[in-house]
Amino acid sequence: MNFNHIDYYSDPRFLGPQFPFPSPPGSFPGSPGLPGGQQAPTAPPPAFIPQQQVATPFAVDPGAISLCLFRNTYIWLRNGASFWYFPIFVGRRSVAGFRWNGRFWTIFGIDTRRIVSFTCF
């Protein structure tokens, strides 16, 4: 048998502005299967933008960003974008969670190689 392997952590089809599926605000598809039925945060993130720390030249280490799980986290991307994030899962090369769009939290996943720096509160 020949099985085509899809690397969901690096395939660009699965890493975009929305983790592979859109979701209504405040919900996470399949949430009953997540520990504690994780939902989007019920409050907005802090009203300030933190100062960016020294940027890293390579990909962000999943072990480092895992310290920010279930905490308000500010992320700066290599393309210059930045935003508040609430991570709920860290994989080998990706982070999944909720991104603040200015009005509400939306489900969002990103490749850690696109993150230049982050800070969590």
Foldseek 3Di string as FASTA:
>chain_A
DDDDDDDLQPPVCQADFARNDWDPFFADVPLVPDVVSDTADPDDDDPDDDDFDDWDPFFDALVVCVVQAQFWKWFAFPVGDIFIWHFHDGDRFKTWGWTDPPPTTITHMHGRRGTGGMDTD
